[in-house]
Amino acid sequence: MPVPVPPGPGQESVWDYPRPPRLERSTRHVRITAGPPGADGDGPLLLADTRRSWRVLETSHPPVHYVAAEDLDARLLRPAAGRSWCEFKGQARYVDLVDPDGRLLAADAGWTYPDPAPGYEGLVGAVALYPGRVTSCRLDGELVRPQAGGFYGGWITDDVVGPFKGEPGTTGW
């Protein structure tokens, strides 16, 4: 059984998050870039720059941020073939990240719930992007670290503590 890290001042523990997950509005500054990284680590293509996102909080997972369609550069995303099922949110569909000329930058770079389950209606049209499949995700200026494991899309920042699902040995959590 995992031993939760005690949160410090201004921190949240993922072990205090609920199951089933909670959907909540966030006004934190979300900035997502793509393309070859510059000296600052950000890419030249701006996917999103907003203070309007949704956070999904689930036990043992860092928060996942979903950005509304109107706050995304739709030219840089296209539907992908991938699908998955969440027992709480329903059927997810994946999106690829492309450059302005339509060339693939990252397959299955994010996902969306076109028809989410009751309680998650706020996610309609919103897209979550994997921090490890774009050039950078920043939350209030802090560079986000991707959740381990490849399947999960949590945003790890200094204000959230784990341990986090996705690391080796966490499959049964």
N, C-alpha and C. Protein backbone atom coordinates (compact mmCIF):
# COMPACT_ATOMS: atom_id res chain seq x y z
N MET A 1 0.85 -1.19 0.00
CA MET A 1 0.00 0.00 0.00
C MET A 1 0.89 1.25 0.00
N PRO A 2 0.54 2.23 -0.82
CA PRO A 2 1.36 3.44 -0.88
C PRO A 2 1.30 4.26 0.41
N VAL A 3 2.38 4.94 0.69
CA VAL A 3 2.44 5.84 1.84
C VAL A 3 2.38 7.27 1.29
N PRO A 4 1.27 7.98 1.51
CA PRO A 4 1.14 9.34 0.98
C PRO A 4 2.20 10.28 1.56
N VAL A 5 2.69 11.16 0.70
CA VAL A 5 3.61 12.21 1.12
C VAL A 5 2.77 13.29 1.79
N PRO A 6 3.11 13.69 3.01
CA PRO A 6 2.32 14.76 3.66
C PRO A 6 2.47 16.07 2.88
N PRO A 7 1.35 16.73 2.56
CA PRO A 7 1.45 17.99 1.83
C PRO A 7 2.00 19.10 2.73
N GLY A 8 2.81 19.96 2.13
CA GLY A 8 3.32 21.13 2.82
C GLY A 8 2.39 22.31 2.60
N PRO A 9 2.74 23.47 3.08
CA PRO A 9 1.91 24.66 2.87
C PRO A 9 1.69 24.91 1.37
N GLY A 10 0.44 25.13 1.00
CA GLY A 10 0.11 25.42 -0.39
C GLY A 10 0.11 24.21 -1.31
N GLN A 11 0.25 23.01 -0.75
CA GLN A 11 0.27 21.80 -1.57
C GLN A 11 -1.01 20.99 -1.36
N GLU A 12 -1.31 20.16 -2.36
CA GLU A 12 -2.41 19.21 -2.28
C GLU A 12 -1.82 17.81 -2.38
N SER A 13 -2.44 16.87 -1.68
CA SER A 13 -2.06 15.46 -1.81
C SER A 13 -3.07 14.78 -2.73
N VAL A 14 -2.55 14.02 -3.70
CA VAL A 14 -3.47 13.29 -4.58
C VAL A 14 -4.24 12.23 -3.81
N TRP A 15 -3.80 11.92 -2.61
CA TRP A 15 -4.50 10.93 -1.78
C TRP A 15 -5.70 11.54 -1.06
N ASP A 16 -5.85 12.87 -1.16
CA ASP A 16 -7.04 13.54 -0.65
C ASP A 16 -8.07 13.77 -1.75
N TYR A 17 -7.73 13.44 -2.99
CA TYR A 17 -8.67 13.58 -4.10
C TYR A 17 -9.69 12.44 -4.03
N PRO A 18 -10.89 12.66 -4.57
CA PRO A 18 -11.96 11.65 -4.46
C PRO A 18 -11.91 10.58 -5.54
N ARG A 19 -12.66 9.55 -5.30
CA ARG A 19 -12.95 8.52 -6.28
C ARG A 19 -14.41 8.17 -6.09
N PRO A 20 -15.29 8.38 -7.06
CA PRO A 20 -15.02 8.81 -8.42
C PRO A 20 -14.43 10.22 -8.48
N PRO A 21 -13.79 10.53 -9.61
CA PRO A 21 -13.12 11.81 -9.76
C PRO A 21 -14.08 13.00 -9.68
N ARG A 22 -13.52 14.13 -9.27
CA ARG A 22 -14.28 15.38 -9.21
C ARG A 22 -13.84 16.28 -10.36
N LEU A 23 -14.81 16.93 -10.96
CA LEU A 23 -14.56 17.90 -12.02
C LEU A 23 -14.75 19.29 -11.41
N GLU A 24 -13.74 20.15 -11.57
CA GLU A 24 -13.87 21.50 -11.03
C GLU A 24 -13.24 22.51 -11.98
N ARG A 25 -13.79 23.72 -11.96
CA ARG A 25 -13.25 24.82 -12.76
C ARG A 25 -11.93 25.28 -12.18
N SER A 26 -11.06 25.77 -13.05
CA SER A 26 -9.78 26.32 -12.61
C SER A 26 -9.54 27.64 -13.34
N THR A 27 -8.98 28.60 -12.62
CA THR A 27 -8.61 29.88 -13.23
C THR A 27 -7.09 30.03 -13.30
N ARG A 28 -6.38 28.93 -13.05
CA ARG A 28 -4.92 28.98 -13.15
C ARG A 28 -4.52 29.17 -14.61
N HIS A 29 -3.36 29.79 -14.83
CA HIS A 29 -2.91 30.09 -16.18
C HIS A 29 -2.33 28.84 -16.83
N VAL A 30 -3.00 28.36 -17.86
CA VAL A 30 -2.58 27.19 -18.64
C VAL A 30 -2.00 27.69 -19.96
N ARG A 31 -0.79 27.25 -20.25
CA ARG A 31 -0.14 27.60 -21.53
C ARG A 31 0.49 26.32 -22.08
N ILE A 32 0.15 25.98 -23.33
CA ILE A 32 0.62 24.75 -23.96
C ILE A 32 1.22 25.10 -25.31
N THR A 33 2.45 24.59 -25.56
CA THR A 33 3.12 24.86 -26.83
C THR A 33 3.56 23.57 -27.51
N ALA A 34 3.86 23.70 -28.79
CA ALA A 34 4.34 22.56 -29.58
C ALA A 34 5.43 23.06 -30.54
N GLY A 35 6.09 22.11 -31.16
CA GLY A 35 7.15 22.43 -32.11
C GLY A 35 8.51 22.40 -31.45
N PRO A 36 9.57 22.61 -32.22
CA PRO A 36 10.92 22.54 -31.67
C PRO A 36 11.11 23.52 -30.52
N PRO A 37 11.62 23.04 -29.38
CA PRO A 37 11.76 23.92 -28.22
C PRO A 37 12.82 24.99 -28.42
N GLY A 38 12.51 26.19 -27.90
CA GLY A 38 13.47 27.28 -27.90
C GLY A 38 14.30 27.25 -26.63
N ALA A 39 15.04 28.28 -26.39
CA ALA A 39 15.91 28.36 -25.22
C ALA A 39 15.13 28.30 -23.92
N ASP A 40 13.87 28.76 -23.94
CA ASP A 40 13.04 28.73 -22.74
C ASP A 40 12.33 27.40 -22.54
N GLY A 41 12.52 26.44 -23.48
CA GLY A 41 11.87 25.14 -23.39
C GLY A 41 10.51 25.08 -24.02
N ASP A 42 9.97 26.23 -24.44
CA ASP A 42 8.66 26.26 -25.07
C ASP A 42 8.80 26.13 -26.58
N GLY A 43 7.75 25.63 -27.21
CA GLY A 43 7.73 25.53 -28.66
C GLY A 43 7.17 26.80 -29.28
N PRO A 44 7.37 26.98 -30.59
CA PRO A 44 6.90 28.18 -31.28
C PRO A 44 5.41 28.18 -31.58
N LEU A 45 4.76 27.02 -31.49
CA LEU A 45 3.33 26.93 -31.80
C LEU A 45 2.53 26.97 -30.51
N LEU A 46 1.64 27.94 -30.39
CA LEU A 46 0.83 28.10 -29.18
C LEU A 46 -0.49 27.36 -29.35
N LEU A 47 -0.67 26.28 -28.59
CA LEU A 47 -1.92 25.53 -28.62
C LEU A 47 -2.98 26.18 -27.75
N ALA A 48 -2.57 26.65 -26.56
CA ALA A 48 -3.52 27.23 -25.62
C ALA A 48 -2.82 28.22 -24.71
N ASP A 49 -3.56 29.26 -24.35
CA ASP A 49 -3.11 30.25 -23.38
C ASP A 49 -4.38 30.77 -22.73
N THR A 50 -4.72 30.24 -21.57
CA THR A 50 -6.03 30.53 -20.98
C THR A 50 -6.00 30.47 -19.46
N ARG A 51 -6.98 31.08 -18.87
CA ARG A 51 -7.23 30.97 -17.43
C ARG A 51 -8.58 30.30 -17.20
N ARG A 52 -9.06 29.59 -18.21
CA ARG A 52 -10.33 28.86 -18.12
C ARG A 52 -10.07 27.41 -18.48
N SER A 53 -9.97 26.58 -17.49
CA SER A 53 -9.82 25.15 -17.74
C SER A 53 -10.66 24.39 -16.72
N TRP A 54 -10.75 23.12 -16.95
CA TRP A 54 -11.36 22.20 -16.00
C TRP A 54 -10.25 21.33 -15.43
N ARG A 55 -10.33 21.04 -14.15
CA ARG A 55 -9.42 20.07 -13.52
C ARG A 55 -10.22 18.84 -13.15
N VAL A 56 -9.66 17.68 -13.46
CA VAL A 56 -10.22 16.42 -12.98
C VAL A 56 -9.28 15.91 -11.90
N LEU A 57 -9.85 15.70 -10.72
CA LEU A 57 -9.08 15.27 -9.55
C LEU A 57 -9.53 13.86 -9.17
N GLU A 58 -8.57 12.93 -9.16
CA GLU A 58 -8.87 11.53 -8.85
C GLU A 58 -7.79 10.96 -7.93
N THR A 59 -8.22 10.19 -6.97
CA THR A 59 -7.30 9.59 -6.01
C THR A 59 -6.10 8.98 -6.71
N SER A 60 -4.92 9.31 -6.22
CA SER A 60 -3.61 8.81 -6.65
C SER A 60 -3.11 9.38 -7.98
N HIS A 61 -3.88 10.27 -8.60
CA HIS A 61 -3.48 10.86 -9.88
C HIS A 61 -3.24 12.36 -9.73
N PRO A 62 -2.18 12.88 -10.36
CA PRO A 62 -2.06 14.34 -10.42
C PRO A 62 -3.22 14.90 -11.24
N PRO A 63 -3.60 16.16 -11.03
CA PRO A 63 -4.72 16.73 -11.79
C PRO A 63 -4.49 16.66 -13.29
N VAL A 64 -5.59 16.48 -14.01
CA VAL A 64 -5.58 16.57 -15.47
C VAL A 64 -6.33 17.84 -15.83
N HIS A 65 -5.72 18.69 -16.65
CA HIS A 65 -6.35 19.94 -17.08
C HIS A 65 -6.93 19.77 -18.48
N TYR A 66 -8.19 20.17 -18.62
CA TYR A 66 -8.90 20.15 -19.90
C TYR A 66 -9.13 21.59 -20.33
N VAL A 67 -8.81 21.89 -21.58
CA VAL A 67 -8.95 23.24 -22.12
C VAL A 67 -10.13 23.25 -23.10
N ALA A 68 -10.99 24.26 -22.96
CA ALA A 68 -12.16 24.39 -23.83
C ALA A 68 -11.72 24.57 -25.28
N ALA A 69 -12.54 24.07 -26.20
CA ALA A 69 -12.23 24.13 -27.62
C ALA A 69 -11.95 25.57 -28.08
N GLU A 70 -12.72 26.52 -27.57
CA GLU A 70 -12.54 27.91 -28.02
C GLU A 70 -11.22 28.52 -27.55
N ASP A 71 -10.53 27.87 -26.61
CA ASP A 71 -9.24 28.34 -26.12
C ASP A 71 -8.07 27.55 -26.71
N LEU A 72 -8.34 26.69 -27.67
CA LEU A 72 -7.31 25.89 -28.34
C LEU A 72 -7.16 26.33 -29.79
N ASP A 73 -5.97 26.21 -30.32
CA ASP A 73 -5.75 26.45 -31.75
C ASP A 73 -6.13 25.16 -32.48
N ALA A 74 -7.35 25.11 -32.99
CA ALA A 74 -7.89 23.90 -33.61
C ALA A 74 -7.10 23.47 -34.84
N ARG A 75 -6.35 24.39 -35.47
CA ARG A 75 -5.53 24.01 -36.63
C ARG A 75 -4.46 23.00 -36.27
N LEU A 76 -4.11 22.94 -34.99
CA LEU A 76 -3.00 22.08 -34.55
C LEU A 76 -3.47 20.73 -34.01
N LEU A 77 -4.76 20.47 -34.05
CA LEU A 77 -5.30 19.20 -33.57
C LEU A 77 -6.19 18.59 -34.64
N ARG A 78 -6.13 17.27 -34.74
CA ARG A 78 -7.04 16.57 -35.65
C ARG A 78 -7.46 15.26 -35.01
N PRO A 79 -8.65 14.78 -35.33
CA PRO A 79 -9.11 13.52 -34.73
C PRO A 79 -8.15 12.38 -35.05
N ALA A 80 -7.94 11.54 -34.07
CA ALA A 80 -7.10 10.35 -34.23
C ALA A 80 -8.00 9.11 -34.13
N ALA A 81 -7.44 7.98 -34.46
CA ALA A 81 -8.22 6.74 -34.44
C ALA A 81 -8.44 6.20 -33.02
N GLY A 82 -7.60 6.60 -32.07
CA GLY A 82 -7.63 6.02 -30.74
C GLY A 82 -8.90 6.29 -29.95
N ARG A 83 -9.28 5.31 -29.15
CA ARG A 83 -10.42 5.40 -28.24
C ARG A 83 -10.04 4.68 -26.96
N SER A 84 -10.63 5.12 -25.86
CA SER A 84 -10.50 4.39 -24.59
C SER A 84 -11.76 4.64 -23.79
N TRP A 85 -11.92 3.86 -22.74
CA TRP A 85 -13.12 3.95 -21.92
C TRP A 85 -12.73 4.26 -20.48
N CYS A 86 -13.37 5.26 -19.90
CA CYS A 86 -13.21 5.58 -18.49
C CYS A 86 -14.49 5.17 -17.79
N GLU A 87 -14.36 4.41 -16.72
CA GLU A 87 -15.55 3.94 -16.01
C GLU A 87 -16.37 5.08 -15.44
N PHE A 88 -15.80 6.25 -15.29
CA PHE A 88 -16.50 7.40 -14.73
C PHE A 88 -16.93 8.41 -15.79
N LYS A 89 -16.04 8.74 -16.72
CA LYS A 89 -16.31 9.80 -17.69
C LYS A 89 -16.87 9.29 -19.01
N GLY A 90 -16.69 8.02 -19.32
CA GLY A 90 -17.24 7.46 -20.55
C GLY A 90 -16.20 7.28 -21.65
N GLN A 91 -16.66 7.36 -22.90
CA GLN A 91 -15.83 7.10 -24.08
C GLN A 91 -14.96 8.30 -24.42
N ALA A 92 -13.65 8.09 -24.44
CA ALA A 92 -12.70 9.14 -24.83
C ALA A 92 -12.28 8.91 -26.28
N ARG A 93 -12.11 10.01 -26.98
CA ARG A 93 -11.57 9.98 -28.34
C ARG A 93 -10.27 10.77 -28.33
N TYR A 94 -9.31 10.31 -29.11
CA TYR A 94 -7.98 10.91 -29.10
C TYR A 94 -7.80 11.92 -30.23
N VAL A 95 -6.83 12.80 -30.04
CA VAL A 95 -6.48 13.80 -31.06
C VAL A 95 -4.98 13.73 -31.29
N ASP A 96 -4.60 13.95 -32.55
CA ASP A 96 -3.19 14.07 -32.92
C ASP A 96 -2.80 15.54 -32.90
N LEU A 97 -1.54 15.79 -32.68
CA LEU A 97 -0.97 17.13 -32.75
C LEU A 97 -0.29 17.26 -34.11
N VAL A 98 -0.63 18.31 -34.85
CA VAL A 98 -0.06 18.53 -36.17
C VAL A 98 0.46 19.97 -36.27
N ASP A 99 1.35 20.20 -37.23
CA ASP A 99 1.81 21.57 -37.45
C ASP A 99 0.79 22.29 -38.35
N PRO A 100 0.96 23.59 -38.59
CA PRO A 100 -0.03 24.32 -39.41
C PRO A 100 -0.19 23.77 -40.82
N ASP A 101 0.78 23.00 -41.32
CA ASP A 101 0.67 22.39 -42.64
C ASP A 101 0.06 20.99 -42.59
N GLY A 102 -0.35 20.55 -41.39
CA GLY A 102 -0.99 19.24 -41.25
C GLY A 102 -0.04 18.09 -41.03
N ARG A 103 1.25 18.35 -40.89
CA ARG A 103 2.22 17.27 -40.64
C ARG A 103 2.15 16.83 -39.19
N LEU A 104 2.18 15.54 -38.99
CA LEU A 104 2.06 14.97 -37.65
C LEU A 104 3.25 15.33 -36.77
N LEU A 105 2.98 15.90 -35.60
CA LEU A 105 4.00 16.17 -34.61
C LEU A 105 3.96 15.12 -33.48
N ALA A 106 2.74 14.69 -33.09
CA ALA A 106 2.59 13.68 -32.05
C ALA A 106 1.26 12.98 -32.20
N ALA A 107 1.33 11.65 -32.32
CA ALA A 107 0.11 10.85 -32.40
C ALA A 107 -0.51 10.75 -31.01
N ASP A 108 -1.83 10.74 -30.97
CA ASP A 108 -2.57 10.59 -29.70
C ASP A 108 -2.01 11.53 -28.63
N ALA A 109 -1.88 12.80 -28.98
CA ALA A 109 -1.31 13.80 -28.07
C ALA A 109 -2.28 14.21 -26.97
N GLY A 110 -3.55 13.94 -27.16
CA GLY A 110 -4.55 14.31 -26.17
C GLY A 110 -5.84 13.57 -26.40
N TRP A 111 -6.84 13.91 -25.59
CA TRP A 111 -8.12 13.22 -25.69
C TRP A 111 -9.25 14.15 -25.28
N THR A 112 -10.45 13.74 -25.66
CA THR A 112 -11.66 14.51 -25.39
C THR A 112 -12.81 13.55 -25.12
N TYR A 113 -13.82 14.05 -24.46
CA TYR A 113 -15.04 13.28 -24.20
C TYR A 113 -16.20 13.98 -24.90
N PRO A 114 -16.54 13.59 -26.15
CA PRO A 114 -17.61 14.26 -26.89
C PRO A 114 -18.98 14.12 -26.22
N ASP A 115 -19.19 13.03 -25.52
CA ASP A 115 -20.48 12.77 -24.86
C ASP A 115 -20.21 12.15 -23.48
N PRO A 116 -19.69 12.96 -22.54
CA PRO A 116 -19.28 12.40 -21.26
C PRO A 116 -20.47 11.95 -20.40
N ALA A 117 -20.17 11.14 -19.43
CA ALA A 117 -21.17 10.64 -18.50
C ALA A 117 -21.72 11.78 -17.65
N PRO A 118 -22.90 11.59 -17.08
CA PRO A 118 -23.47 12.61 -16.19
C PRO A 118 -22.49 13.01 -15.09
N GLY A 119 -22.43 14.31 -14.84
CA GLY A 119 -21.52 14.85 -13.85
C GLY A 119 -20.25 15.41 -14.47
N TYR A 120 -20.01 15.06 -15.74
CA TYR A 120 -18.80 15.51 -16.43
C TYR A 120 -19.14 16.30 -17.70
N GLU A 121 -20.34 16.84 -17.76
CA GLU A 121 -20.80 17.55 -18.95
C GLU A 121 -19.91 18.75 -19.29
N GLY A 122 -19.24 19.31 -18.33
CA GLY A 122 -18.34 20.44 -18.58
C GLY A 122 -17.21 20.10 -19.52
N LEU A 123 -16.93 18.81 -19.70
CA LEU A 123 -15.83 18.39 -20.57
C LEU A 123 -16.19 18.36 -22.05
N VAL A 124 -17.46 18.53 -22.39
CA VAL A 124 -17.85 18.50 -23.80
C VAL A 124 -17.05 19.57 -24.56
N GLY A 125 -16.36 19.15 -25.59
CA GLY A 125 -15.57 20.06 -26.41
C GLY A 125 -14.19 20.39 -25.85
N ALA A 126 -13.94 20.05 -24.60
CA ALA A 126 -12.64 20.33 -23.99
C ALA A 126 -11.65 19.22 -24.34
N VAL A 127 -10.37 19.58 -24.36
CA VAL A 127 -9.32 18.63 -24.71
C VAL A 127 -8.26 18.64 -23.61
N ALA A 128 -7.83 17.44 -23.22
CA ALA A 128 -6.69 17.28 -22.32
C ALA A 128 -5.50 16.85 -23.17
N LEU A 129 -4.35 17.43 -22.90
CA LEU A 129 -3.14 17.08 -23.64
C LEU A 129 -2.12 16.46 -22.70
N TYR A 130 -1.46 15.41 -23.18
CA TYR A 130 -0.41 14.77 -22.40
C TYR A 130 0.79 15.70 -22.32
N PRO A 131 1.25 16.06 -21.11
CA PRO A 131 2.41 16.94 -21.01
C PRO A 131 3.66 16.37 -21.69
N GLY A 132 3.78 15.06 -21.78
CA GLY A 132 4.95 14.45 -22.40
C GLY A 132 4.86 14.33 -23.92
N ARG A 133 3.74 14.73 -24.51
CA ARG A 133 3.57 14.60 -25.96
C ARG A 133 3.49 15.95 -26.67
N VAL A 134 3.55 17.03 -25.91
CA VAL A 134 3.63 18.37 -26.47
C VAL A 134 4.99 18.92 -26.05
N THR A 135 5.37 20.07 -26.56
CA THR A 135 6.67 20.63 -26.18
C THR A 135 6.66 21.10 -24.74
N SER A 136 5.62 21.85 -24.38
CA SER A 136 5.53 22.30 -22.98
C SER A 136 4.10 22.53 -22.57
N CYS A 137 3.83 22.20 -21.32
CA CYS A 137 2.62 22.60 -20.62
C CYS A 137 3.12 23.39 -19.42
N ARG A 138 2.55 24.55 -19.23
CA ARG A 138 2.90 25.39 -18.08
C ARG A 138 1.63 25.70 -17.31
N LEU A 139 1.76 25.66 -15.99
CA LEU A 139 0.66 26.00 -15.10
C LEU A 139 1.14 27.14 -14.21
N ASP A 140 0.55 28.31 -14.38
CA ASP A 140 1.00 29.51 -13.68
C ASP A 140 2.50 29.73 -13.87
N GLY A 141 2.99 29.43 -15.08
CA GLY A 141 4.38 29.64 -15.43
C GLY A 141 5.31 28.48 -15.12
N GLU A 142 4.88 27.56 -14.27
CA GLU A 142 5.73 26.41 -13.91
C GLU A 142 5.63 25.33 -14.98
N LEU A 143 6.77 24.83 -15.41
CA LEU A 143 6.80 23.74 -16.39
C LEU A 143 6.25 22.48 -15.75
N VAL A 144 5.24 21.90 -16.37
CA VAL A 144 4.58 20.70 -15.87
C VAL A 144 5.42 19.48 -16.18
N ARG A 145 5.47 18.55 -15.23
CA ARG A 145 6.15 17.27 -15.44
C ARG A 145 5.08 16.22 -15.73
N PRO A 146 5.30 15.36 -16.74
CA PRO A 146 4.27 14.37 -17.09
C PRO A 146 4.17 13.25 -16.05
N GLN A 147 2.97 12.76 -15.90
CA GLN A 147 2.72 11.58 -15.07
C GLN A 147 3.34 10.38 -15.76
N ALA A 148 3.98 9.53 -15.00
CA ALA A 148 4.64 8.34 -15.56
C ALA A 148 3.61 7.34 -16.08
N GLY A 149 4.07 6.46 -16.93
CA GLY A 149 3.24 5.33 -17.34
C GLY A 149 2.70 5.39 -18.75
N GLY A 150 2.74 6.53 -19.42
CA GLY A 150 2.31 6.59 -20.81
C GLY A 150 0.81 6.70 -21.01
N PHE A 151 -0.01 6.05 -20.18
CA PHE A 151 -1.45 6.08 -20.38
C PHE A 151 -2.08 7.29 -19.69
N TYR A 152 -1.53 7.67 -18.56
CA TYR A 152 -2.13 8.73 -17.76
C TYR A 152 -1.62 10.10 -18.19
N GLY A 153 -2.47 11.11 -18.05
CA GLY A 153 -2.12 12.44 -18.52
C GLY A 153 -2.07 13.50 -17.44
N GLY A 154 -1.74 13.10 -16.21
CA GLY A 154 -1.70 14.05 -15.11
C GLY A 154 -0.61 15.09 -15.25
N TRP A 155 -0.87 16.24 -14.65
CA TRP A 155 0.06 17.38 -14.66
C TRP A 155 0.71 17.48 -13.29
N ILE A 156 1.99 17.15 -13.19
CA ILE A 156 2.70 17.21 -11.92
C ILE A 156 3.39 18.56 -11.80
N THR A 157 3.07 19.27 -10.72
CA THR A 157 3.69 20.55 -10.40
C THR A 157 4.13 20.50 -8.94
N ASP A 158 4.84 21.53 -8.52
CA ASP A 158 5.37 21.55 -7.15
C ASP A 158 4.29 21.62 -6.09
N ASP A 159 3.06 21.97 -6.48
CA ASP A 159 2.02 22.11 -5.47
C ASP A 159 1.14 20.86 -5.31
N VAL A 160 1.59 19.75 -5.87
CA VAL A 160 0.86 18.49 -5.70
C VAL A 160 1.87 17.40 -5.33
N VAL A 161 1.49 16.57 -4.34
CA VAL A 161 2.38 15.51 -3.87
C VAL A 161 1.69 14.16 -4.01
N GLY A 162 2.49 13.10 -4.11
CA GLY A 162 2.01 11.74 -4.33
C GLY A 162 2.25 10.83 -3.16
N PRO A 163 2.66 9.62 -3.47
CA PRO A 163 3.09 9.09 -4.76
C PRO A 163 1.95 9.03 -5.78
N PHE A 164 2.34 8.99 -7.07
CA PHE A 164 1.39 9.05 -8.16
C PHE A 164 1.26 7.70 -8.86
N LYS A 165 0.02 7.36 -9.22
CA LYS A 165 -0.21 6.17 -10.03
C LYS A 165 0.52 6.35 -11.37
N GLY A 166 1.05 5.25 -11.89
CA GLY A 166 1.75 5.26 -13.17
C GLY A 166 3.20 4.83 -13.02
N GLU A 167 3.76 5.05 -11.85
CA GLU A 167 5.14 4.59 -11.59
C GLU A 167 5.15 3.06 -11.56
N PRO A 168 6.31 2.43 -11.76
CA PRO A 168 6.39 0.97 -11.66
C PRO A 168 5.84 0.48 -10.32
N GLY A 169 5.04 -0.58 -10.38
CA GLY A 169 4.47 -1.17 -9.18
C GLY A 169 3.15 -0.58 -8.72
N THR A 170 2.59 0.36 -9.51
CA THR A 170 1.36 1.02 -9.08
C THR A 170 0.11 0.52 -9.81
N THR A 171 0.24 -0.50 -10.61
CA THR A 171 -0.87 -0.98 -11.42
C THR A 171 -2.11 -1.32 -10.59
N GLY A 172 -1.93 -1.88 -9.42
CA GLY A 172 -3.06 -2.31 -8.60
C GLY A 172 -3.69 -1.24 -7.73
N TRP A 173 -3.20 -0.01 -7.80
CA TRP A 173 -3.77 1.03 -6.95
C TRP A 173 -5.17 1.42 -7.40
